[in-house]
Every structure is written in structure tokens, then in C-alpha cells.
Amino acid sequence: MAQNKLTTESPSNHQDLDKKTVKEILEGINKEDQSVAYSVEKVIPSIEALVEQIVPRMEKGGRLFYIGAGTSGRLGIVDASECPPTYGVPHGMVVGIMAGGDTAIRKAVEFAEDDSEQAWKDLLPFDPKPNDTLIGIAASGGTPYVIGGLKAANNAGLLTGCIVCNTGSQVAANATFPIEVVVGPEYVTGSTRMKSGTAQKLVLNMISTSVMIRLGKVKGNKMVDMQLSNDKLVDRGTKMVMQELTEVTYEKAKELLLKYGSVRKAVENA
């Protein structure tokens, strides 16, 4: 796909940004951001198709891996890192990997995304299996690191998906269940950390949340398996126990929560 055909590289709809007031800049960014959710809405069928494939594999012990470079890689790492505290799942059930390794989380690693063989090398220590899922994240859809990882994953029998922000990309072509969420030109031309990044974050939220709900990690609308890692979460959990056990005092609910370690277990053993 030629570079001049990439929607993510199209010229901004806003001109002379350097001459605008702060208010004008903020209003322009906000106007563009308002369109992102509608772009995501259009691809819900694609997201649904991928999630429906992920869940039965994870019920059999499969894991969910994200790979990406730059902003896309960081977003995958953020989503993966939030699953254990939010849903009480073990570390390693959802894993984010990015080009350049952990160093690249905070500091760009030059040309790391251009190595088409490195993603699979990064995955090998996890001993990937056919019940695992690999989702490639790349705004452009042309990142060699992601393309190579998806190709290798397909050859190894993994389920593959992707989140891209252009149509007809090589990343999508190598994903069995592609998600192509096209948000149009960025406010700052080519700055895909903006609308494209927001769209990717929204889709990642939808994938991991729907998967965890289907895996039984939510009861009603509550995170009943969340980790009690700070006072705020202990207080939230205590109130959840009180809602489930309507005649229990705050003090008793907290005692049960701390004794059993989760809202689910506190309610079951009350």
C-alpha cells in the first residue's frame, strides 16, 4: 500500500495550527475526537467476531497476546497490565509485547518496528500454543514487526486478529479476524497517537472487557475478582459485599473481604 494512500497520513482538515489560539486548538482536537466513537461503532461486528473466537480458546487455557510498536505497542501493554488487578486473573493470561522491549515503553527504540522476525522471537519465551490468540496493533497497518508476528502466529496455529486504522493493509491481510477502524486524518497530520490511538484504546477496552465478562469475571456489573491492592479498592470491595449481603454492616463486610481476599469469595463464604 503506497504511503500516499494511507488515511492515517492524510493532511489534517485543520490549517495553520501554529497560528491558532489555545482555545481554537483545543476545540479542533475535541471536534476530531468526537468522531472516533462513531468510527468504532461501525466495526462492532468485526470486534464481536474476534471476541467470539477468543473466549472458547481462553476457556481451554489459552492466552491473549498483543504486539505492536510505538503508541500501538504501549496501548497493548496498558490493556494487558490492567487485567490482573481489575479481574483477578493471573499475570501471563493477557500479555502485551512491543517492538524494542520494555525500554521502548518510555523511550523510542530506533528501527525496532522494522524487524519482521523479532515479534515471534519475543513471543517464543511464552511457549505459544494453538489455543492462544495474537492481536497485532498498528495504526498504519504496515508495521513489519507486527506483520511478521502475525505470519508466524498463523503458521503456528494461533488465532490472529488485528486493530488497524487503514483499510487494505498488510497487517489486516495477515490477521484471520481483522478490525479496521478508520478515523480519518489526524488533527496534526500523521500523529496517530491522537485519534488512531484513541480508537485503538477503545477497541482494546471492548475486547478485554467483553472477554473477561464472558469468562465469568464480572457478576452483575461488579468486578468481583478484583485485586485489593489499595485502600480505595478495599473500600469499593467492602461496599460491593454490603450490596450482595444486604444486612451486613460495613465493618463486617470489610472483615469478610479481607479474610477471603475477594468480593466473590467473601459473599460465597459469608
C-alpha atoms as a PDB file:
ATOM      1  CA  MET A   1       0.000   0.000   0.000  1.00  0.00           C
ATOM      2  CA  ALA A   2       1.556   3.273  -1.082  1.00  0.00           C
ATOM      3  CA  GLN A   3       2.247   5.810   1.604  1.00  0.00           C
ATOM      4  CA  ASN A   4       0.126   8.495  -0.080  1.00  0.00           C
ATOM      5  CA  LYS A   5      -2.911   6.176   0.147  1.00  0.00           C
ATOM      6  CA  LEU A   6      -2.752   5.860   3.934  1.00  0.00           C
ATOM      7  CA  THR A   7      -5.682   7.593   5.607  1.00  0.00           C
ATOM      8  CA  THR A   8      -3.590   7.945   8.749  1.00  0.00           C
ATOM      9  CA  GLU A   9      -1.065  10.017   6.763  1.00  0.00           C
ATOM     10  CA  SER A  10      -3.649  12.227   5.046  1.00  0.00           C
ATOM     11  CA  PRO A  11      -3.310  16.001   5.534  1.00  0.00           C
ATOM     12  CA  SER A  12      -5.144  17.415   8.523  1.00  0.00           C
ATOM     13  CA  ASN A  13      -8.534  19.014   7.961  1.00  0.00           C
ATOM     14  CA  HIS A  14      -7.268  21.945  10.030  1.00  0.00           C
ATOM     15  CA  GLN A  15      -4.874  24.534   8.643  1.00  0.00           C
ATOM     16  CA  ASP A  16      -2.298  26.896  10.205  1.00  0.00           C
ATOM     17  CA  LEU A  17      -2.278  25.205  13.594  1.00  0.00           C
ATOM     18  CA  ASP A  18       0.700  27.279  14.671  1.00  0.00           C
ATOM     19  CA  LYS A  19      -1.357  30.460  14.258  1.00  0.00           C
ATOM     20  CA  LYS A  20      -4.338  29.332  16.336  1.00  0.00           C
ATOM     21  CA  THR A  21      -5.144  30.289  19.905  1.00  0.00           C
ATOM     22  CA  VAL A  22      -5.047  27.646  22.612  1.00  0.00           C
ATOM     23  CA  LYS A  23      -8.846  27.590  22.672  1.00  0.00           C
ATOM     24  CA  GLU A  24      -9.012  27.064  18.908  1.00  0.00           C
ATOM     25  CA  ILE A  25      -6.505  24.217  19.128  1.00  0.00           C
ATOM     26  CA  LEU A  26      -8.402  22.508  21.922  1.00  0.00           C
ATOM     27  CA  GLU A  27     -11.740  22.895  20.165  1.00  0.00           C
ATOM     28  CA  GLY A  28     -10.275  21.484  16.955  1.00  0.00           C
ATOM     29  CA  ILE A  29      -8.835  18.430  18.708  1.00  0.00           C
ATOM     30  CA  ASN A  30     -12.100  17.873  20.559  1.00  0.00           C
ATOM     31  CA  LYS A  31     -14.101  18.119  17.340  1.00  0.00           C
ATOM     32  CA  GLU A  32     -11.956  15.420  15.758  1.00  0.00           C
ATOM     33  CA  ASP A  33     -12.116  13.225  18.858  1.00  0.00           C
ATOM     34  CA  GLN A  34     -15.908  13.263  18.799  1.00  0.00           C
ATOM     35  CA  SER A  35     -15.881  11.236  15.585  1.00  0.00           C
ATOM     36  CA  VAL A  36     -13.799   8.371  16.993  1.00  0.00           C
ATOM     37  CA  ALA A  37     -16.573   6.531  18.838  1.00  0.00           C
ATOM     38  CA  TYR A  38     -18.714   6.535  15.699  1.00  0.00           C
ATOM     39  CA  SER A  39     -15.856   5.009  13.723  1.00  0.00           C
ATOM     40  CA  VAL A  40     -15.528   2.277  16.343  1.00  0.00           C
ATOM     41  CA  GLU A  41     -19.280   1.663  16.292  1.00  0.00           C
ATOM     42  CA  LYS A  42     -19.067   0.768  12.597  1.00  0.00           C
ATOM     43  CA  VAL A  43     -16.669  -2.115  13.299  1.00  0.00           C
ATOM     44  CA  ILE A  44     -18.512  -3.712  16.225  1.00  0.00           C
ATOM     45  CA  PRO A  45     -19.354  -6.766  14.059  1.00  0.00           C
ATOM     46  CA  SER A  46     -15.622  -7.307  13.475  1.00  0.00           C
ATOM     47  CA  ILE A  47     -14.863  -6.922  17.171  1.00  0.00           C
ATOM     48  CA  GLU A  48     -17.664  -9.332  18.030  1.00  0.00           C
ATOM     49  CA  ALA A  49     -16.365 -11.938  15.586  1.00  0.00           C
ATOM     50  CA  LEU A  50     -12.906 -11.842  17.161  1.00  0.00           C
ATOM     51  CA  VAL A  51     -14.163 -11.968  20.760  1.00  0.00           C
ATOM     52  CA  GLU A  52     -16.411 -14.932  19.952  1.00  0.00           C
ATOM     53  CA  GLN A  53     -13.303 -16.799  18.833  1.00  0.00           C
ATOM     54  CA  ILE A  54     -11.112 -15.726  21.759  1.00  0.00           C
ATOM     55  CA  VAL A  55     -13.431 -16.766  24.599  1.00  0.00           C
ATOM     56  CA  PRO A  56     -13.638 -20.530  23.952  1.00  0.00           C
ATOM     57  CA  ARG A  57      -9.870 -20.670  23.495  1.00  0.00           C
ATOM     58  CA  MET A  58      -9.265 -18.906  26.801  1.00  0.00           C
ATOM     59  CA  GLU A  59     -11.767 -21.207  28.491  1.00  0.00           C
ATOM     60  CA  LYS A  60      -9.396 -24.014  27.465  1.00  0.00           C
ATOM     61  CA  GLY A  61      -6.396 -22.242  28.978  1.00  0.00           C
ATOM     62  CA  GLY A  62      -5.435 -20.089  26.018  1.00  0.00           C
ATOM     63  CA  ARG A  63      -3.818 -16.690  26.473  1.00  0.00           C
ATOM     64  CA  LEU A  64      -4.248 -13.337  24.780  1.00  0.00           C
ATOM     65  CA  PHE A  65      -1.170 -11.614  23.366  1.00  0.00           C
ATOM     66  CA  TYR A  66      -0.899  -8.094  21.960  1.00  0.00           C
ATOM     67  CA  ILE A  67       2.006  -6.975  19.767  1.00  0.00           C
ATOM     68  CA  GLY A  68       2.721  -3.505  18.433  1.00  0.00           C
ATOM     69  CA  ALA A  69       5.258  -0.725  18.083  1.00  0.00           C
ATOM     70  CA  GLY A  70       5.285   2.803  19.461  1.00  0.00           C
ATOM     71  CA  THR A  71       1.924   4.078  20.685  1.00  0.00           C
ATOM     72  CA  SER A  72       0.190   0.904  19.493  1.00  0.00           C
ATOM     73  CA  GLY A  73       2.552  -1.303  21.483  1.00  0.00           C
ATOM     74  CA  ARG A  74       2.188   0.814  24.600  1.00  0.00           C
ATOM     75  CA  LEU A  75      -1.594   0.656  24.403  1.00  0.00           C
ATOM     76  CA  GLY A  76      -1.450  -3.137  24.273  1.00  0.00           C
ATOM     77  CA  ILE A  77       0.810  -3.216  27.311  1.00  0.00           C
ATOM     78  CA  VAL A  78      -1.527  -0.900  29.227  1.00  0.00           C
ATOM     79  CA  ASP A  79      -4.565  -3.056  28.460  1.00  0.00           C
ATOM     80  CA  ALA A  80      -2.774  -6.274  29.388  1.00  0.00           C
ATOM     81  CA  SER A  81      -1.331  -4.864  32.613  1.00  0.00           C
ATOM     82  CA  GLU A  82      -4.761  -3.767  33.818  1.00  0.00           C
ATOM     83  CA  CYS A  83      -6.401  -7.195  33.527  1.00  0.00           C
ATOM     84  CA  PRO A  84      -4.891  -8.832  36.660  1.00  0.00           C
ATOM     85  CA  PRO A  85      -5.844  -6.068  39.122  1.00  0.00           C
ATOM     86  CA  THR A  86      -9.240  -5.462  37.531  1.00  0.00           C
ATOM     87  CA  TYR A  87     -10.381  -9.049  37.079  1.00  0.00           C
ATOM     88  CA  GLY A  88      -8.107 -11.059  39.362  1.00  0.00           C
ATOM     89  CA  VAL A  89      -6.675 -13.121  36.514  1.00  0.00           C
ATOM     90  CA  PRO A  90      -3.063 -14.327  36.689  1.00  0.00           C
ATOM     91  CA  HIS A  91      -0.241 -12.356  35.148  1.00  0.00           C
ATOM     92  CA  GLY A  92       0.543 -14.026  31.867  1.00  0.00           C
ATOM     93  CA  MET A  93      -3.073 -14.590  30.857  1.00  0.00           C
ATOM     94  CA  VAL A  94      -3.089 -11.340  28.880  1.00  0.00           C
ATOM     95  CA  VAL A  95       0.336 -10.180  27.700  1.00  0.00           C
ATOM     96  CA  GLY A  96       1.449  -7.032  25.903  1.00  0.00           C
ATOM     97  CA  ILE A  97       4.677  -7.115  23.887  1.00  0.00           C
ATOM     98  CA  MET A  98       6.162  -4.209  21.975  1.00  0.00           C
ATOM     99  CA  ALA A  99       8.957  -3.682  19.496  1.00  0.00           C
ATOM    100  CA  GLY A 100      12.119  -2.704  21.336  1.00  0.00           C
ATOM    101  CA  GLY A 101      11.137  -4.440  24.575  1.00  0.00           C
ATOM    102  CA  ASP A 102      10.474  -2.799  27.932  1.00  0.00           C
ATOM    103  CA  THR A 103      12.914   0.004  27.162  1.00  0.00           C
ATOM    104  CA  ALA A 104      10.614   1.168  24.380  1.00  0.00           C
ATOM    105  CA  ILE A 105       7.730   1.700  26.801  1.00  0.00           C
ATOM    106  CA  ARG A 106       9.306   5.001  27.837  1.00  0.00           C
ATOM    107  CA  LYS A 107      11.880   5.714  25.158  1.00  0.00           C
ATOM    108  CA  ALA A 108      11.671   5.085  21.429  1.00  0.00           C
ATOM    109  CA  VAL A 109      14.000   2.365  20.141  1.00  0.00           C
ATOM    110  CA  GLU A 110      15.153   3.245  16.635  1.00  0.00           C
ATOM    111  CA  PHE A 111      14.098   0.873  13.835  1.00  0.00           C
ATOM    112  CA  ALA A 112      12.786  -1.753  16.279  1.00  0.00           C
ATOM    113  CA  GLU A 113       9.488  -1.882  14.406  1.00  0.00           C
ATOM    114  CA  ASP A 114      11.238  -2.662  11.102  1.00  0.00           C
ATOM    115  CA  ASP A 115      12.383  -6.167  12.113  1.00  0.00           C
ATOM    116  CA  SER A 116       9.817  -8.607  10.729  1.00  0.00           C
ATOM    117  CA  GLU A 117      11.232 -11.589  12.653  1.00  0.00           C
ATOM    118  CA  GLN A 118      11.583 -10.087  16.111  1.00  0.00           C
ATOM    119  CA  ALA A 119       7.944 -10.299  17.238  1.00  0.00           C
ATOM    120  CA  TRP A 120       7.890 -14.081  17.064  1.00  0.00           C
ATOM    121  CA  LYS A 121      11.251 -14.208  18.818  1.00  0.00           C
ATOM    122  CA  ASP A 122       9.711 -12.074  21.568  1.00  0.00           C
ATOM    123  CA  LEU A 123       6.781 -14.487  21.809  1.00  0.00           C
ATOM    124  CA  LEU A 124       8.790 -17.709  21.924  1.00  0.00           C
ATOM    125  CA  PRO A 125       9.734 -17.452  25.647  1.00  0.00           C
ATOM    126  CA  PHE A 126       5.981 -17.676  26.370  1.00  0.00           C
ATOM    127  CA  ASP A 127       5.792 -21.006  24.510  1.00  0.00           C
ATOM    128  CA  PRO A 128       2.810 -20.030  22.313  1.00  0.00           C
ATOM    129  CA  LYS A 129       0.171 -22.710  21.731  1.00  0.00           C
ATOM    130  CA  PRO A 130      -2.763 -23.117  19.288  1.00  0.00           C
ATOM    131  CA  ASN A 131      -5.311 -22.027  21.920  1.00  0.00           C
ATOM    132  CA  ASP A 132      -3.521 -18.682  22.269  1.00  0.00           C
ATOM    133  CA  THR A 133      -4.588 -15.537  20.432  1.00  0.00           C
ATOM    134  CA  LEU A 134      -2.294 -12.902  18.943  1.00  0.00           C
ATOM    135  CA  ILE A 135      -3.678  -9.441  18.181  1.00  0.00           C
ATOM    136  CA  GLY A 136      -1.446  -7.128  16.172  1.00  0.00           C
ATOM    137  CA  ILE A 137      -1.938  -3.414  16.803  1.00  0.00           C
ATOM    138  CA  ALA A 138      -0.721  -0.964  14.155  1.00  0.00           C
ATOM    139  CA  ALA A 139      -2.353   2.307  13.168  1.00  0.00           C
ATOM    140  CA  SER A 140      -0.750   2.290   9.721  1.00  0.00           C
ATOM    141  CA  GLY A 141      -1.253  -1.414   9.157  1.00  0.00           C
ATOM    142  CA  GLY A 142       2.200  -1.647   7.655  1.00  0.00           C
ATOM    143  CA  THR A 143       4.474  -2.274  10.638  1.00  0.00           C
ATOM    144  CA  PRO A 144       6.921  -5.109   9.726  1.00  0.00           C
ATOM    145  CA  TYR A 145       7.245  -6.192  13.375  1.00  0.00           C
ATOM    146  CA  VAL A 146       3.503  -6.806  13.538  1.00  0.00           C
ATOM    147  CA  ILE A 147       3.163  -8.319  10.070  1.00  0.00           C
ATOM    148  CA  GLY A 148       5.946 -10.805  10.754  1.00  0.00           C
ATOM    149  CA  GLY A 149       4.495 -11.746  14.127  1.00  0.00           C
ATOM    150  CA  LEU A 150       1.070 -12.440  12.645  1.00  0.00           C
ATOM    151  CA  LYS A 151       2.524 -14.541   9.828  1.00  0.00           C
ATOM    152  CA  ALA A 152       4.477 -16.684  12.280  1.00  0.00           C
ATOM    153  CA  ALA A 153       1.470 -17.000  14.582  1.00  0.00           C
ATOM    154  CA  ASN A 154      -0.709 -18.173  11.700  1.00  0.00           C
ATOM    155  CA  ASN A 155       1.883 -20.793  10.799  1.00  0.00           C
ATOM    156  CA  ALA A 156       1.933 -21.976  14.409  1.00  0.00           C
ATOM    157  CA  GLY A 157      -1.855 -22.367  14.508  1.00  0.00           C
ATOM    158  CA  LEU A 158      -2.697 -19.435  16.803  1.00  0.00           C
ATOM    159  CA  LEU A 159      -5.847 -17.376  16.393  1.00  0.00           C
ATOM    160  CA  THR A 160      -4.892 -13.996  14.917  1.00  0.00           C
ATOM    161  CA  GLY A 161      -6.604 -10.609  14.927  1.00  0.00           C
ATOM    162  CA  CYS A 162      -5.563  -7.011  14.495  1.00  0.00           C
ATOM    163  CA  ILE A 163      -6.538  -3.414  15.140  1.00  0.00           C
ATOM    164  CA  VAL A 164      -5.565  -1.057  12.313  1.00  0.00           C
ATOM    165  CA  CYS A 165      -6.714   2.382  11.194  1.00  0.00           C
ATOM    166  CA  ASN A 166      -6.421   1.985   7.426  1.00  0.00           C
ATOM    167  CA  THR A 167      -8.152  -0.342   5.006  1.00  0.00           C
ATOM    168  CA  GLY A 168      -6.387  -2.875   2.825  1.00  0.00           C
ATOM    169  CA  SER A 169      -3.259  -3.134   4.958  1.00  0.00           C
ATOM    170  CA  GLN A 170      -0.707  -5.930   5.180  1.00  0.00           C
ATOM    171  CA  VAL A 171      -1.399  -6.306   8.883  1.00  0.00           C
ATOM    172  CA  ALA A 172      -5.093  -6.899   8.194  1.00  0.00           C
ATOM    173  CA  ALA A 173      -4.252  -9.268   5.344  1.00  0.00           C
ATOM    174  CA  ASN A 174      -2.319 -11.457   7.775  1.00  0.00           C
ATOM    175  CA  ALA A 175      -4.949 -11.469  10.528  1.00  0.00           C
ATOM    176  CA  THR A 176      -7.746 -14.016  10.388  1.00  0.00           C
ATOM    177  CA  PHE A 177     -10.056 -11.595  12.218  1.00  0.00           C
ATOM    178  CA  PRO A 178      -9.058  -8.038  11.292  1.00  0.00           C
ATOM    179  CA  ILE A 179     -10.557  -4.914  12.832  1.00  0.00           C
ATOM    180  CA  GLU A 180     -10.150  -1.885  10.562  1.00  0.00           C
ATOM    181  CA  VAL A 181     -11.314   1.243  12.385  1.00  0.00           C
ATOM    182  CA  VAL A 182     -10.739   4.211  10.062  1.00  0.00           C
ATOM    183  CA  VAL A 183     -10.851   7.526  11.903  1.00  0.00           C
ATOM    184  CA  GLY A 184      -9.642   9.793   9.090  1.00  0.00           C
ATOM    185  CA  PRO A 185      -6.885  12.416   9.081  1.00  0.00           C
ATOM    186  CA  GLU A 186      -5.320  13.365  12.404  1.00  0.00           C
ATOM    187  CA  TYR A 187      -5.516  16.902  13.802  1.00  0.00           C
ATOM    188  CA  VAL A 188      -1.733  17.076  13.496  1.00  0.00           C
ATOM    189  CA  THR A 189      -1.003  15.351  10.205  1.00  0.00           C
ATOM    190  CA  GLY A 190       0.244  11.806  10.757  1.00  0.00           C
ATOM    191  CA  SER A 191       0.164  11.969  14.567  1.00  0.00           C
ATOM    192  CA  THR A 192      -1.501   8.613  15.101  1.00  0.00           C
ATOM    193  CA  ARG A 193      -1.164   8.813  18.871  1.00  0.00           C
ATOM    194  CA  MET A 194      -4.251  11.038  18.648  1.00  0.00           C
ATOM    195  CA  LYS A 195      -7.474   9.741  17.028  1.00  0.00           C
ATOM    196  CA  SER A 196      -5.965   6.454  15.917  1.00  0.00           C
ATOM    197  CA  GLY A 197      -4.578   5.812  19.386  1.00  0.00           C
ATOM    198  CA  THR A 198      -7.910   6.701  20.970  1.00  0.00           C
ATOM    199  CA  ALA A 199      -9.708   4.301  18.636  1.00  0.00           C
ATOM    200  CA  GLN A 200      -7.256   1.515  19.413  1.00  0.00           C
ATOM    201  CA  LYS A 201      -7.682   2.101  23.148  1.00  0.00           C
ATOM    202  CA  LEU A 202     -11.468   1.947  22.820  1.00  0.00           C
ATOM    203  CA  VAL A 203     -11.298  -1.318  20.868  1.00  0.00           C
ATOM    204  CA  LEU A 204      -8.845  -2.847  23.331  1.00  0.00           C
ATOM    205  CA  ASN A 205     -11.175  -1.902  26.193  1.00  0.00           C
ATOM    206  CA  MET A 206     -14.038  -3.577  24.359  1.00  0.00           C
ATOM    207  CA  ILE A 207     -12.095  -6.760  23.616  1.00  0.00           C
ATOM    208  CA  SER A 208     -10.616  -7.362  27.063  1.00  0.00           C
ATOM    209  CA  THR A 209     -13.744  -6.291  28.956  1.00  0.00           C
ATOM    210  CA  SER A 210     -16.126  -8.423  26.900  1.00  0.00           C
ATOM    211  CA  VAL A 211     -13.761 -11.405  27.115  1.00  0.00           C
ATOM    212  CA  MET A 212     -13.490 -11.109  30.903  1.00  0.00           C
ATOM    213  CA  ILE A 213     -17.246 -10.759  31.303  1.00  0.00           C
ATOM    214  CA  ARG A 214     -17.812 -13.868  29.183  1.00  0.00           C
ATOM    215  CA  LEU A 215     -15.197 -15.710  31.246  1.00  0.00           C
ATOM    216  CA  GLY A 216     -17.265 -15.001  34.364  1.00  0.00           C
ATOM    217  CA  LYS A 217     -15.013 -12.364  35.902  1.00  0.00           C
ATOM    218  CA  VAL A 218     -17.914  -9.939  36.384  1.00  0.00           C
ATOM    219  CA  LYS A 219     -21.068 -10.597  38.392  1.00  0.00           C
ATOM    220  CA  GLY A 220     -23.948  -8.317  37.520  1.00  0.00           C
ATOM    221  CA  ASN A 221     -21.885  -5.228  36.809  1.00  0.00           C
ATOM    222  CA  LYS A 222     -19.278  -5.701  39.521  1.00  0.00           C
ATOM    223  CA  MET A 223     -15.572  -6.619  39.411  1.00  0.00           C
ATOM    224  CA  VAL A 224     -15.983  -9.348  41.988  1.00  0.00           C
ATOM    225  CA  ASP A 225     -12.491 -10.780  41.491  1.00  0.00           C
ATOM    226  CA  MET A 226     -10.534  -7.508  41.528  1.00  0.00           C
ATOM    227  CA  GLN A 227      -7.306  -7.365  43.498  1.00  0.00           C
ATOM    228  CA  LEU A 228      -7.437  -5.477  46.787  1.00  0.00           C
ATOM    229  CA  SER A 229      -4.248  -3.540  46.111  1.00  0.00           C
ATOM    230  CA  ASN A 230      -5.065  -0.230  47.819  1.00  0.00           C
ATOM    231  CA  ASP A 231      -7.457   1.360  50.316  1.00  0.00           C
ATOM    232  CA  LYS A 232      -9.753   2.669  47.578  1.00  0.00           C
ATOM    233  CA  LEU A 233     -10.276  -0.827  46.185  1.00  0.00           C
ATOM    234  CA  VAL A 234     -10.786  -2.297  49.657  1.00  0.00           C
ATOM    235  CA  ASP A 235     -13.486   0.318  50.260  1.00  0.00           C
ATOM    236  CA  ARG A 236     -15.081  -0.405  46.877  1.00  0.00           C
ATOM    237  CA  GLY A 237     -14.999  -4.130  47.556  1.00  0.00           C
ATOM    238  CA  THR A 238     -16.479  -3.673  51.001  1.00  0.00           C
ATOM    239  CA  LYS A 239     -19.416  -1.769  49.551  1.00  0.00           C
ATOM    240  CA  MET A 240     -19.910  -4.472  46.926  1.00  0.00           C
ATOM    241  CA  VAL A 241     -20.114  -7.092  49.678  1.00  0.00           C
ATOM    242  CA  MET A 242     -22.668  -4.938  51.505  1.00  0.00           C
ATOM    243  CA  GLN A 243     -24.765  -4.726  48.333  1.00  0.00           C
ATOM    244  CA  GLU A 244     -24.715  -8.502  47.937  1.00  0.00           C
ATOM    245  CA  LEU A 245     -25.272  -9.226  51.649  1.00  0.00           C
ATOM    246  CA  THR A 246     -27.827  -6.553  52.427  1.00  0.00           C
ATOM    247  CA  GLU A 247     -27.915  -6.994  56.200  1.00  0.00           C
ATOM    248  CA  VAL A 248     -24.148  -6.876  56.719  1.00  0.00           C
ATOM    249  CA  THR A 249     -22.522  -3.800  58.274  1.00  0.00           C
ATOM    250  CA  TYR A 250     -19.583  -2.025  56.645  1.00  0.00           C
ATOM    251  CA  GLU A 251     -17.226  -3.334  59.303  1.00  0.00           C
ATOM    252  CA  LYS A 252     -18.405  -6.946  58.894  1.00  0.00           C
ATOM    253  CA  ALA A 253     -18.285  -6.697  55.100  1.00  0.00           C
ATOM    254  CA  LYS A 254     -14.716  -5.405  55.261  1.00  0.00           C
ATOM    255  CA  GLU A 255     -13.744  -8.184  57.662  1.00  0.00           C
ATOM    256  CA  LEU A 256     -15.144 -10.816  55.274  1.00  0.00           C
ATOM    257  CA  LEU A 257     -13.472  -9.188  52.281  1.00  0.00           C
ATOM    258  CA  LEU A 258     -10.044  -9.098  53.869  1.00  0.00           C
ATOM    259  CA  LYS A 259     -10.405 -12.628  55.221  1.00  0.00           C
ATOM    260  CA  TYR A 260     -11.315 -14.218  51.891  1.00  0.00           C
ATOM    261  CA  GLY A 261      -9.449 -11.870  49.547  1.00  0.00           C
ATOM    262  CA  SER A 262     -12.153 -11.062  47.007  1.00  0.00           C
ATOM    263  CA  VAL A 263     -15.753  -9.927  46.791  1.00  0.00           C
ATOM    264  CA  ARG A 264     -16.762 -13.211  45.182  1.00  0.00           C
ATOM    265  CA  LYS A 265     -15.234 -15.383  47.922  1.00  0.00           C
ATOM    266  CA  ALA A 266     -16.453 -13.109  50.701  1.00  0.00           C
ATOM    267  CA  VAL A 267     -20.050 -13.437  49.507  1.00  0.00           C
ATOM    268  CA  GLU A 268     -19.792 -17.173  48.859  1.00  0.00           C
ATOM    269  CA  ASN A 269     -18.366 -17.867  52.321  1.00  0.00           C
ATOM    270  CA  ALA A 270     -20.466 -15.445  54.349  1.00  0.00           C
END
